[in-house]
Amino acid sequence: MENNTDKKSRILQAAGQVFAQNGFSQSTIAMIAKNAGVADGTIYLYFKNKEELLTRFFENKMRLIFDRFLETVSGANSAEEKLRNLIRTHFVEFQKDKDMAVLYQVETHSNVRLAEDQIREMSKMYMDLISLIVEQGQEQGLIRKDLYLSLVKRMIIGSLDEVINTWIHSEGKYDLVSMADPLVDLILNGIGNHLRSDA
C-alpha cells in the first residue's frame, strides 16, 4: 500500500510534468491530479495550491541534485577533475529529468519567479561550489590568478545555461552529457594559465 510520502512524491512528479508541458499558468490542479492518478481533492490534502506544488517540486529536486553535486565534487582531487565531475553530473541530472530542466530554465529566465527563494538558494549554493573549484584551480596553477572570480563564475554559469537551453530547444535530439567534456575544455582553454605568444 502506498504511504503518504510516496503519494506526495508522485503528485510532485506529476506536477513537474504538467507544468513543463503546459506552462504554469495553463496548468490546472485537475490536470495534475489526472497525471498523478488521484482525485483532485487528494492534492489539497498535501498542498495548498499550484504555487506550493511548484516550490515544493523545486525544493525536493534541489536537495537531491545538490547532494549529487557535492558527492561527485568531493570525490575528486584536482580542480579540473572537480569541474569536469560537476558539469557532467549537472548535465546527467538535467538530461535524466527533462521536465525539471525545462522548469528550471523557465523559472531562471522569468521576470516573475514563482519559486524565487528556491532558485536563489540553489544558485547561491552552485556559485559557492564553483568559487571553491576556481580558487583551487588558481592555487594549482590551472586558472589564471589575475581574473575576477565573479567574472569566471558567470562565464561558467552562462556557458552551462546556454548549452542546456540549446539542448532543450532541440527537444533532446542529442546527448546532453556528451557536451560536458568539450565545454570544460573550452572553459579551461579560455581561462587557462598559459602565456600567449605574439610571434
N, C-alpha and C. Protein backbone atom coordinates (compact mmCIF):
# COMPACT_ATOMS: atom_id res chain seq x y z
N MET A 1 0.85 -1.20 0.00
CA MET A 1 0.00 0.00 0.00
C MET A 1 0.88 1.25 0.00
N GLU A 2 0.54 2.23 -0.81
CA GLU A 2 1.34 3.45 -0.95
C GLU A 2 1.19 4.32 0.28
N ASN A 3 2.34 4.78 0.85
CA ASN A 3 2.27 5.66 2.01
C ASN A 3 2.16 7.12 1.56
N ASN A 4 1.99 8.00 2.54
CA ASN A 4 1.78 9.42 2.22
C ASN A 4 2.98 10.05 1.54
N THR A 5 4.18 9.65 1.96
CA THR A 5 5.39 10.21 1.37
C THR A 5 5.50 9.85 -0.11
N ASP A 6 5.21 8.58 -0.42
CA ASP A 6 5.26 8.13 -1.81
C ASP A 6 4.20 8.84 -2.65
N LYS A 7 3.02 9.04 -2.07
CA LYS A 7 1.94 9.70 -2.81
C LYS A 7 2.30 11.16 -3.08
N LYS A 8 2.88 11.83 -2.08
CA LYS A 8 3.31 13.21 -2.27
C LYS A 8 4.35 13.31 -3.37
N SER A 9 5.29 12.37 -3.37
CA SER A 9 6.34 12.37 -4.40
C SER A 9 5.74 12.16 -5.78
N ARG A 10 4.76 11.28 -5.87
CA ARG A 10 4.11 11.00 -7.15
C ARG A 10 3.36 12.24 -7.65
N ILE A 11 2.70 12.93 -6.73
CA ILE A 11 1.97 14.14 -7.10
C ILE A 11 2.95 15.23 -7.57
N LEU A 12 4.06 15.39 -6.86
CA LEU A 12 5.04 16.40 -7.24
C LEU A 12 5.65 16.09 -8.60
N GLN A 13 5.94 14.83 -8.85
CA GLN A 13 6.49 14.45 -10.16
C GLN A 13 5.47 14.73 -11.26
N ALA A 14 4.22 14.42 -10.99
CA ALA A 14 3.16 14.68 -11.96
C ALA A 14 3.02 16.18 -12.21
N ALA A 15 3.12 16.98 -11.15
CA ALA A 15 3.03 18.43 -11.28
C ALA A 15 4.16 18.96 -12.15
N GLY A 16 5.37 18.43 -11.94
CA GLY A 16 6.51 18.85 -12.75
C GLY A 16 6.28 18.58 -14.23
N GLN A 17 5.73 17.42 -14.53
CA GLN A 17 5.46 17.06 -15.93
C GLN A 17 4.41 17.99 -16.54
N VAL A 18 3.35 18.24 -15.79
CA VAL A 18 2.27 19.10 -16.31
C VAL A 18 2.75 20.53 -16.49
N PHE A 19 3.48 21.06 -15.52
CA PHE A 19 3.99 22.43 -15.62
C PHE A 19 4.94 22.57 -16.81
N ALA A 20 5.82 21.58 -16.99
CA ALA A 20 6.81 21.64 -18.07
C ALA A 20 6.15 21.55 -19.44
N GLN A 21 5.11 20.74 -19.55
CA GLN A 21 4.47 20.51 -20.85
C GLN A 21 3.46 21.58 -21.23
N ASN A 22 2.83 22.20 -20.22
CA ASN A 22 1.75 23.15 -20.50
C ASN A 22 2.03 24.58 -20.06
N GLY A 23 3.09 24.76 -19.29
CA GLY A 23 3.33 26.07 -18.71
C GLY A 23 2.56 26.20 -17.42
N PHE A 24 3.11 26.94 -16.46
CA PHE A 24 2.48 27.02 -15.14
C PHE A 24 1.08 27.62 -15.21
N SER A 25 0.92 28.73 -15.91
CA SER A 25 -0.37 29.43 -15.91
C SER A 25 -1.48 28.62 -16.59
N GLN A 26 -1.11 27.77 -17.53
CA GLN A 26 -2.10 26.96 -18.25
C GLN A 26 -2.41 25.64 -17.56
N SER A 27 -1.64 25.31 -16.55
CA SER A 27 -1.83 24.03 -15.84
C SER A 27 -2.90 24.18 -14.76
N THR A 28 -3.62 23.10 -14.53
CA THR A 28 -4.67 23.10 -13.50
C THR A 28 -4.44 21.96 -12.52
N ILE A 29 -5.05 22.09 -11.36
CA ILE A 29 -4.98 21.02 -10.37
C ILE A 29 -5.59 19.74 -10.94
N ALA A 30 -6.65 19.89 -11.73
CA ALA A 30 -7.31 18.73 -12.33
C ALA A 30 -6.35 17.98 -13.26
N MET A 31 -5.57 18.73 -14.03
CA MET A 31 -4.60 18.11 -14.94
C MET A 31 -3.54 17.36 -14.15
N ILE A 32 -3.09 17.96 -13.06
CA ILE A 32 -2.05 17.33 -12.22
C ILE A 32 -2.60 16.08 -11.56
N ALA A 33 -3.83 16.17 -11.06
CA ALA A 33 -4.46 15.01 -10.41
C ALA A 33 -4.60 13.85 -11.39
N LYS A 34 -5.04 14.16 -12.61
CA LYS A 34 -5.19 13.12 -13.63
C LYS A 34 -3.84 12.48 -13.94
N ASN A 35 -2.80 13.29 -14.06
CA ASN A 35 -1.46 12.78 -14.36
C ASN A 35 -0.95 11.90 -13.22
N ALA A 36 -1.29 12.27 -11.98
CA ALA A 36 -0.82 11.52 -10.81
C ALA A 36 -1.70 10.31 -10.51
N GLY A 37 -2.87 10.25 -11.15
CA GLY A 37 -3.78 9.13 -10.90
C GLY A 37 -4.48 9.23 -9.56
N VAL A 38 -4.79 10.48 -9.15
CA VAL A 38 -5.51 10.67 -7.88
C VAL A 38 -6.69 11.61 -8.12
N ALA A 39 -7.57 11.70 -7.14
CA ALA A 39 -8.70 12.64 -7.23
C ALA A 39 -8.20 14.05 -6.97
N ASP A 40 -8.90 15.04 -7.54
CA ASP A 40 -8.49 16.44 -7.34
C ASP A 40 -8.33 16.78 -5.87
N GLY A 41 -9.30 16.34 -5.06
CA GLY A 41 -9.29 16.67 -3.63
C GLY A 41 -8.09 16.10 -2.89
N THR A 42 -7.55 15.00 -3.41
CA THR A 42 -6.39 14.37 -2.76
C THR A 42 -5.19 15.32 -2.74
N ILE A 43 -5.03 16.09 -3.80
CA ILE A 43 -3.89 17.01 -3.88
C ILE A 43 -3.97 18.05 -2.76
N TYR A 44 -5.19 18.50 -2.45
CA TYR A 44 -5.34 19.53 -1.42
C TYR A 44 -5.12 18.98 -0.01
N LEU A 45 -5.01 17.68 0.13
CA LEU A 45 -4.65 17.10 1.42
C LEU A 45 -3.17 17.33 1.72
N TYR A 46 -2.38 17.53 0.66
CA TYR A 46 -0.93 17.68 0.81
C TYR A 46 -0.41 19.07 0.44
N PHE A 47 -1.11 19.76 -0.46
CA PHE A 47 -0.62 21.05 -0.95
C PHE A 47 -1.76 22.06 -1.01
N LYS A 48 -1.44 23.33 -0.72
CA LYS A 48 -2.46 24.37 -0.69
C LYS A 48 -2.93 24.76 -2.09
N ASN A 49 -1.99 24.84 -3.03
CA ASN A 49 -2.32 25.34 -4.36
C ASN A 49 -1.21 25.00 -5.36
N LYS A 50 -1.35 25.51 -6.57
CA LYS A 50 -0.35 25.26 -7.62
C LYS A 50 1.00 25.84 -7.25
N GLU A 51 0.99 27.03 -6.65
CA GLU A 51 2.24 27.69 -6.30
C GLU A 51 3.05 26.84 -5.33
N GLU A 52 2.37 26.25 -4.36
CA GLU A 52 3.09 25.40 -3.40
C GLU A 52 3.61 24.14 -4.08
N LEU A 53 2.86 23.60 -5.02
CA LEU A 53 3.33 22.44 -5.77
C LEU A 53 4.64 22.76 -6.49
N LEU A 54 4.69 23.93 -7.10
CA LEU A 54 5.89 24.32 -7.83
C LEU A 54 7.09 24.50 -6.89
N THR A 55 6.88 25.22 -5.78
CA THR A 55 8.00 25.46 -4.87
C THR A 55 8.47 24.16 -4.21
N ARG A 56 7.55 23.29 -3.85
CA ARG A 56 7.96 22.00 -3.24
C ARG A 56 8.67 21.11 -4.27
N PHE A 57 8.23 21.19 -5.51
CA PHE A 57 8.89 20.43 -6.58
C PHE A 57 10.36 20.84 -6.65
N PHE A 58 10.60 22.15 -6.67
CA PHE A 58 11.98 22.65 -6.74
C PHE A 58 12.78 22.30 -5.49
N GLU A 59 12.16 22.42 -4.33
CA GLU A 59 12.86 22.11 -3.09
C GLU A 59 13.34 20.66 -3.08
N ASN A 60 12.46 19.75 -3.47
CA ASN A 60 12.82 18.33 -3.48
C ASN A 60 13.93 18.04 -4.47
N LYS A 61 13.78 18.57 -5.69
CA LYS A 61 14.78 18.34 -6.73
C LYS A 61 16.11 18.96 -6.35
N MET A 62 16.05 20.17 -5.81
CA MET A 62 17.26 20.90 -5.44
C MET A 62 18.07 20.12 -4.42
N ARG A 63 17.39 19.60 -3.42
CA ARG A 63 18.08 18.86 -2.35
C ARG A 63 18.77 17.61 -2.92
N LEU A 64 18.05 16.86 -3.73
CA LEU A 64 18.61 15.63 -4.30
C LEU A 64 19.78 15.91 -5.24
N ILE A 65 19.58 16.88 -6.13
CA ILE A 65 20.61 17.17 -7.13
C ILE A 65 21.85 17.77 -6.48
N PHE A 66 21.66 18.67 -5.53
CA PHE A 66 22.84 19.29 -4.93
C PHE A 66 23.64 18.28 -4.11
N ASP A 67 22.97 17.33 -3.50
CA ASP A 67 23.68 16.25 -2.80
C ASP A 67 24.57 15.49 -3.78
N ARG A 68 24.07 15.27 -5.00
CA ARG A 68 24.87 14.57 -6.01
C ARG A 68 26.04 15.44 -6.46
N PHE A 69 25.80 16.75 -6.60
CA PHE A 69 26.89 17.66 -6.96
C PHE A 69 28.01 17.57 -5.93
N LEU A 70 27.66 17.66 -4.65
CA LEU A 70 28.66 17.62 -3.58
C LEU A 70 29.40 16.29 -3.56
N GLU A 71 28.66 15.23 -3.76
CA GLU A 71 29.26 13.89 -3.74
C GLU A 71 30.29 13.73 -4.86
N THR A 72 29.93 14.16 -6.06
CA THR A 72 30.83 13.96 -7.20
C THR A 72 32.04 14.90 -7.13
N VAL A 73 31.85 16.09 -6.56
CA VAL A 73 32.97 17.03 -6.43
C VAL A 73 33.92 16.60 -5.32
N SER A 74 33.37 16.16 -4.20
CA SER A 74 34.21 15.76 -3.07
C SER A 74 35.01 14.50 -3.37
N GLY A 75 34.57 13.74 -4.37
CA GLY A 75 35.30 12.52 -4.72
C GLY A 75 36.47 12.76 -5.65
N ALA A 76 36.72 14.02 -6.00
CA ALA A 76 37.82 14.37 -6.91
C ALA A 76 38.90 15.12 -6.16
N ASN A 77 40.13 15.10 -6.70
CA ASN A 77 41.25 15.78 -6.05
C ASN A 77 41.58 17.11 -6.71
N SER A 78 41.84 17.09 -8.00
CA SER A 78 42.24 18.31 -8.68
C SER A 78 41.04 19.18 -9.02
N ALA A 79 41.30 20.47 -9.22
CA ALA A 79 40.23 21.40 -9.60
C ALA A 79 39.64 21.03 -10.94
N GLU A 80 40.48 20.58 -11.87
CA GLU A 80 39.97 20.20 -13.19
C GLU A 80 39.02 19.02 -13.09
N GLU A 81 39.38 18.02 -12.30
CA GLU A 81 38.53 16.84 -12.14
C GLU A 81 37.21 17.23 -11.45
N LYS A 82 37.28 18.14 -10.48
CA LYS A 82 36.07 18.59 -9.80
C LYS A 82 35.14 19.32 -10.76
N LEU A 83 35.72 20.19 -11.60
CA LEU A 83 34.90 20.93 -12.56
C LEU A 83 34.27 19.99 -13.57
N ARG A 84 35.05 19.03 -14.06
CA ARG A 84 34.50 18.05 -15.01
C ARG A 84 33.38 17.24 -14.38
N ASN A 85 33.60 16.80 -13.15
CA ASN A 85 32.59 16.00 -12.46
C ASN A 85 31.32 16.80 -12.22
N LEU A 86 31.49 18.07 -11.82
CA LEU A 86 30.33 18.91 -11.54
C LEU A 86 29.50 19.13 -12.80
N ILE A 87 30.14 19.53 -13.88
CA ILE A 87 29.40 19.82 -15.11
C ILE A 87 28.80 18.56 -15.71
N ARG A 88 29.53 17.46 -15.66
CA ARG A 88 28.99 16.20 -16.17
C ARG A 88 27.77 15.77 -15.36
N THR A 89 27.86 15.87 -14.04
CA THR A 89 26.72 15.49 -13.19
C THR A 89 25.53 16.42 -13.43
N HIS A 90 25.81 17.70 -13.61
CA HIS A 90 24.76 18.67 -13.92
C HIS A 90 24.00 18.25 -15.18
N PHE A 91 24.73 17.91 -16.21
CA PHE A 91 24.11 17.51 -17.48
C PHE A 91 23.40 16.16 -17.35
N VAL A 92 23.98 15.24 -16.58
CA VAL A 92 23.34 13.93 -16.36
C VAL A 92 21.98 14.12 -15.69
N GLU A 93 21.94 14.92 -14.65
CA GLU A 93 20.70 15.12 -13.89
C GLU A 93 19.63 15.82 -14.72
N PHE A 94 20.04 16.83 -15.50
CA PHE A 94 19.07 17.55 -16.31
C PHE A 94 18.57 16.68 -17.47
N GLN A 95 19.45 15.88 -18.04
CA GLN A 95 19.03 15.01 -19.14
C GLN A 95 18.11 13.91 -18.61
N LYS A 96 18.37 13.45 -17.40
CA LYS A 96 17.57 12.38 -16.80
C LYS A 96 16.15 12.85 -16.48
N ASP A 97 16.00 14.13 -16.18
CA ASP A 97 14.68 14.67 -15.83
C ASP A 97 14.45 15.94 -16.63
N LYS A 98 14.02 15.77 -17.87
CA LYS A 98 13.86 16.91 -18.77
C LYS A 98 12.79 17.88 -18.28
N ASP A 99 11.74 17.36 -17.63
CA ASP A 99 10.70 18.24 -17.11
C ASP A 99 11.29 19.22 -16.10
N MET A 100 12.14 18.71 -15.22
CA MET A 100 12.79 19.56 -14.24
C MET A 100 13.70 20.56 -14.92
N ALA A 101 14.42 20.12 -15.95
CA ALA A 101 15.32 21.00 -16.69
C ALA A 101 14.55 22.15 -17.34
N VAL A 102 13.42 21.82 -17.95
CA VAL A 102 12.59 22.84 -18.61
C VAL A 102 12.08 23.83 -17.58
N LEU A 103 11.55 23.33 -16.46
CA LEU A 103 11.00 24.22 -15.43
C LEU A 103 12.08 25.12 -14.84
N TYR A 104 13.26 24.56 -14.60
CA TYR A 104 14.34 25.35 -14.03
C TYR A 104 14.76 26.47 -14.98
N GLN A 105 14.89 26.14 -16.26
CA GLN A 105 15.29 27.15 -17.24
C GLN A 105 14.22 28.23 -17.38
N VAL A 106 12.95 27.83 -17.38
CA VAL A 106 11.86 28.81 -17.49
C VAL A 106 11.86 29.74 -16.29
N GLU A 107 11.99 29.16 -15.09
CA GLU A 107 11.97 29.96 -13.87
C GLU A 107 13.15 30.92 -13.78
N THR A 108 14.34 30.46 -14.13
CA THR A 108 15.52 31.31 -14.02
C THR A 108 15.51 32.45 -15.04
N HIS A 109 14.77 32.29 -16.14
CA HIS A 109 14.71 33.33 -17.15
C HIS A 109 13.44 34.16 -17.07
N SER A 110 12.63 33.90 -16.06
CA SER A 110 11.36 34.62 -15.93
C SER A 110 11.55 35.91 -15.13
N ASN A 111 10.83 36.94 -15.52
CA ASN A 111 10.87 38.20 -14.78
C ASN A 111 10.18 38.07 -13.42
N VAL A 112 9.16 37.22 -13.37
CA VAL A 112 8.44 36.96 -12.12
C VAL A 112 8.65 35.50 -11.76
N ARG A 113 9.50 35.26 -10.79
CA ARG A 113 9.81 33.88 -10.41
C ARG A 113 8.88 33.42 -9.30
N LEU A 114 8.12 32.39 -9.57
CA LEU A 114 7.20 31.87 -8.56
C LEU A 114 7.97 31.10 -7.49
N ALA A 115 9.11 30.54 -7.89
CA ALA A 115 9.96 29.80 -6.94
C ALA A 115 11.23 30.60 -6.67
N GLU A 116 11.07 31.89 -6.43
CA GLU A 116 12.20 32.80 -6.28
C GLU A 116 13.19 32.36 -5.20
N ASP A 117 12.67 32.03 -4.01
CA ASP A 117 13.55 31.65 -2.91
C ASP A 117 14.32 30.38 -3.22
N GLN A 118 13.64 29.41 -3.82
CA GLN A 118 14.29 28.14 -4.13
C GLN A 118 15.36 28.32 -5.20
N ILE A 119 15.06 29.12 -6.23
CA ILE A 119 16.02 29.37 -7.31
C ILE A 119 17.23 30.13 -6.76
N ARG A 120 16.97 31.13 -5.92
CA ARG A 120 18.07 31.92 -5.36
C ARG A 120 18.98 31.05 -4.49
N GLU A 121 18.37 30.19 -3.68
CA GLU A 121 19.16 29.32 -2.80
C GLU A 121 20.02 28.36 -3.60
N MET A 122 19.43 27.75 -4.63
CA MET A 122 20.18 26.81 -5.45
C MET A 122 21.31 27.51 -6.19
N SER A 123 21.02 28.70 -6.71
CA SER A 123 22.05 29.46 -7.45
C SER A 123 23.21 29.82 -6.54
N LYS A 124 22.91 30.22 -5.30
CA LYS A 124 23.97 30.58 -4.36
C LYS A 124 24.85 29.38 -4.03
N MET A 125 24.22 28.23 -3.76
CA MET A 125 24.99 27.04 -3.44
C MET A 125 25.88 26.63 -4.61
N TYR A 126 25.33 26.75 -5.81
CA TYR A 126 26.09 26.38 -7.01
C TYR A 126 27.25 27.34 -7.22
N MET A 127 27.00 28.63 -7.06
CA MET A 127 28.04 29.64 -7.20
C MET A 127 29.15 29.43 -6.18
N ASP A 128 28.77 29.11 -4.93
CA ASP A 128 29.76 28.87 -3.88
C ASP A 128 30.63 27.67 -4.22
N LEU A 129 30.01 26.64 -4.78
CA LEU A 129 30.75 25.44 -5.16
C LEU A 129 31.74 25.75 -6.29
N ILE A 130 31.30 26.50 -7.27
CA ILE A 130 32.18 26.89 -8.37
C ILE A 130 33.32 27.77 -7.86
N SER A 131 33.03 28.65 -6.90
CA SER A 131 34.07 29.51 -6.32
C SER A 131 35.19 28.68 -5.72
N LEU A 132 34.81 27.65 -4.97
CA LEU A 132 35.81 26.79 -4.35
C LEU A 132 36.68 26.09 -5.40
N ILE A 133 36.04 25.64 -6.48
CA ILE A 133 36.77 24.96 -7.54
C ILE A 133 37.71 25.92 -8.25
N VAL A 134 37.24 27.12 -8.56
CA VAL A 134 38.07 28.11 -9.25
C VAL A 134 39.24 28.53 -8.38
N GLU A 135 38.99 28.76 -7.10
CA GLU A 135 40.06 29.16 -6.18
C GLU A 135 41.12 28.06 -6.08
N GLN A 136 40.68 26.81 -6.02
CA GLN A 136 41.63 25.69 -6.00
C GLN A 136 42.40 25.65 -7.32
N GLY A 137 41.69 25.89 -8.42
CA GLY A 137 42.35 25.89 -9.72
C GLY A 137 43.41 26.98 -9.82
N GLN A 138 43.15 28.13 -9.20
CA GLN A 138 44.14 29.20 -9.19
C GLN A 138 45.36 28.81 -8.35
N GLU A 139 45.10 28.15 -7.22
CA GLU A 139 46.20 27.70 -6.36
C GLU A 139 47.05 26.64 -7.06
N GLN A 140 46.41 25.80 -7.87
CA GLN A 140 47.12 24.72 -8.56
C GLN A 140 47.74 25.18 -9.88
N GLY A 141 47.53 26.45 -10.25
CA GLY A 141 48.10 26.97 -11.48
C GLY A 141 47.31 26.61 -12.73
N LEU A 142 46.12 26.07 -12.54
CA LEU A 142 45.28 25.69 -13.67
C LEU A 142 44.58 26.91 -14.26
N ILE A 143 44.20 27.83 -13.37
CA ILE A 143 43.45 29.02 -13.77
C ILE A 143 44.24 30.26 -13.39
N ARG A 144 44.26 31.23 -14.26
CA ARG A 144 44.98 32.48 -14.00
C ARG A 144 44.50 33.17 -12.72
N LYS A 145 45.43 33.74 -11.99
CA LYS A 145 45.09 34.41 -10.75
C LYS A 145 44.67 35.86 -10.95
N ASP A 146 44.89 36.39 -12.15
CA ASP A 146 44.56 37.79 -12.38
C ASP A 146 43.12 37.99 -12.85
N LEU A 147 42.34 36.93 -12.86
CA LEU A 147 40.95 37.02 -13.30
C LEU A 147 40.03 37.35 -12.14
N TYR A 148 38.99 38.13 -12.41
CA TYR A 148 37.97 38.38 -11.40
C TYR A 148 37.17 37.10 -11.18
N LEU A 149 37.10 36.68 -9.93
CA LEU A 149 36.39 35.44 -9.60
C LEU A 149 34.94 35.51 -10.05
N SER A 150 34.28 36.65 -9.83
CA SER A 150 32.88 36.79 -10.19
C SER A 150 32.68 36.64 -11.70
N LEU A 151 33.65 37.13 -12.47
CA LEU A 151 33.56 37.03 -13.93
C LEU A 151 33.71 35.58 -14.39
N VAL A 152 34.64 34.87 -13.78
CA VAL A 152 34.84 33.45 -14.12
C VAL A 152 33.59 32.64 -13.79
N LYS A 153 33.01 32.90 -12.61
CA LYS A 153 31.80 32.16 -12.21
C LYS A 153 30.67 32.41 -13.20
N ARG A 154 30.50 33.67 -13.59
CA ARG A 154 29.41 33.99 -14.51
C ARG A 154 29.65 33.40 -15.89
N MET A 155 30.90 33.32 -16.30
CA MET A 155 31.21 32.70 -17.59
C MET A 155 30.83 31.22 -17.57
N ILE A 156 31.18 30.55 -16.48
CA ILE A 156 30.87 29.12 -16.37
C ILE A 156 29.36 28.90 -16.33
N ILE A 157 28.67 29.68 -15.48
CA ILE A 157 27.21 29.55 -15.36
C ILE A 157 26.53 29.87 -16.69
N GLY A 158 26.99 30.93 -17.34
CA GLY A 158 26.40 31.32 -18.63
C GLY A 158 26.60 30.26 -19.70
N SER A 159 27.77 29.64 -19.71
CA SER A 159 28.05 28.58 -20.68
C SER A 159 27.14 27.38 -20.45
N LEU A 160 27.01 26.98 -19.18
CA LEU A 160 26.12 25.86 -18.85
C LEU A 160 24.68 26.17 -19.26
N ASP A 161 24.25 27.36 -18.95
CA ASP A 161 22.89 27.78 -19.25
C ASP A 161 22.61 27.71 -20.75
N GLU A 162 23.55 28.20 -21.54
CA GLU A 162 23.36 28.23 -22.99
C GLU A 162 23.33 26.82 -23.57
N VAL A 163 24.22 25.95 -23.10
CA VAL A 163 24.26 24.57 -23.60
C VAL A 163 22.95 23.85 -23.27
N ILE A 164 22.45 24.04 -22.05
CA ILE A 164 21.19 23.38 -21.65
C ILE A 164 20.01 23.95 -22.43
N ASN A 165 19.98 25.26 -22.60
CA ASN A 165 18.89 25.87 -23.38
C ASN A 165 18.86 25.34 -24.81
N THR A 166 20.03 25.25 -25.42
CA THR A 166 20.11 24.74 -26.80
C THR A 166 19.62 23.30 -26.88
N TRP A 167 20.00 22.51 -25.88
CA TRP A 167 19.57 21.10 -25.84
C TRP A 167 18.06 21.00 -25.68
N ILE A 168 17.48 21.82 -24.80
CA ILE A 168 16.03 21.80 -24.60
C ILE A 168 15.30 22.19 -25.88
N HIS A 169 15.78 23.25 -26.54
CA HIS A 169 15.10 23.72 -27.76
C HIS A 169 15.27 22.74 -28.92
N SER A 170 16.28 21.87 -28.83
CA SER A 170 16.43 20.83 -29.86
C SER A 170 15.52 19.65 -29.58
N GLU A 171 14.77 19.76 -28.44
CA GLU A 171 13.88 18.68 -27.99
C GLU A 171 14.66 17.42 -27.67
N GLY A 172 15.86 17.62 -27.12
CA GLY A 172 16.66 16.49 -26.66
C GLY A 172 17.11 15.55 -27.76
N LYS A 173 17.38 16.11 -28.95
CA LYS A 173 17.72 15.25 -30.09
C LYS A 173 19.16 14.73 -30.05
N TYR A 174 19.94 15.22 -29.10
CA TYR A 174 21.31 14.71 -28.96
C TYR A 174 21.62 14.52 -27.48
N ASP A 175 22.74 13.90 -27.21
CA ASP A 175 23.12 13.56 -25.85
C ASP A 175 23.72 14.78 -25.16
N LEU A 176 23.02 15.32 -24.18
CA LEU A 176 23.50 16.50 -23.46
C LEU A 176 24.80 16.20 -22.72
N VAL A 177 24.91 15.02 -22.14
CA VAL A 177 26.09 14.67 -21.35
C VAL A 177 27.36 14.68 -22.20
N SER A 178 27.22 14.40 -23.49
CA SER A 178 28.39 14.38 -24.37
C SER A 178 29.00 15.76 -24.54
N MET A 179 28.26 16.79 -24.14
CA MET A 179 28.75 18.17 -24.24
C MET A 179 29.61 18.58 -23.05
N ALA A 180 29.62 17.75 -21.99
CA ALA A 180 30.30 18.14 -20.74
C ALA A 180 31.80 18.35 -20.92
N ASP A 181 32.51 17.34 -21.40
CA ASP A 181 33.97 17.47 -21.52
C ASP A 181 34.39 18.53 -22.54
N PRO A 182 33.74 18.61 -23.71
CA PRO A 182 34.10 19.70 -24.62
C PRO A 182 33.88 21.08 -24.01
N LEU A 183 32.83 21.22 -23.20
CA LEU A 183 32.58 22.51 -22.56
C LEU A 183 33.68 22.83 -21.55
N VAL A 184 34.07 21.85 -20.75
CA VAL A 184 35.14 22.08 -19.78
C VAL A 184 36.44 22.43 -20.50
N ASP A 185 36.73 21.73 -21.58
CA ASP A 185 37.94 22.04 -22.36
C ASP A 185 37.90 23.48 -22.86
N LEU A 186 36.74 23.89 -23.33
CA LEU A 186 36.58 25.26 -23.84
C LEU A 186 36.78 26.28 -22.72
N ILE A 187 36.20 26.01 -21.56
CA ILE A 187 36.35 26.91 -20.42
C ILE A 187 37.81 27.01 -19.99
N LEU A 188 38.46 25.89 -19.84
CA LEU A 188 39.84 25.90 -19.35
C LEU A 188 40.81 26.46 -20.37
N ASN A 189 40.58 26.22 -21.63
CA ASN A 189 41.45 26.79 -22.66
C ASN A 189 41.26 28.31 -22.74
N GLY A 190 40.08 28.74 -22.37
CA GLY A 190 39.80 30.18 -22.40
C GLY A 190 40.37 30.91 -21.20
N ILE A 191 40.46 30.23 -20.04
CA ILE A 191 40.96 30.88 -18.84
C ILE A 191 42.20 30.18 -18.30
N GLY A 192 42.80 29.31 -19.12
CA GLY A 192 43.97 28.57 -18.68
C GLY A 192 45.16 29.47 -18.37
N ASN A 193 46.00 29.03 -17.47
CA ASN A 193 47.16 29.80 -17.03
C ASN A 193 48.35 29.54 -17.96
N HIS A 194 48.31 30.14 -19.15
CA HIS A 194 49.39 29.96 -20.10
C HIS A 194 49.76 31.30 -20.72
N LEU A 195 50.97 31.42 -21.20
CA LEU A 195 51.44 32.65 -21.82
C LEU A 195 51.15 32.64 -23.30
N ARG A 196 50.57 33.72 -23.78
CA ARG A 196 50.29 33.82 -25.22
C ARG A 196 51.50 34.36 -25.93
N SER A 197 51.77 33.81 -27.08
CA SER A 197 52.91 34.27 -27.88
C SER A 197 52.40 35.12 -29.05
N ASP A 198 53.00 36.28 -29.22
CA ASP A 198 52.61 37.15 -30.34
C ASP A 198 53.45 36.89 -31.57
N ALA A 199 54.37 35.94 -31.45
CA ALA A 199 55.26 35.64 -32.57
C ALA A 199 54.50 34.88 -33.65
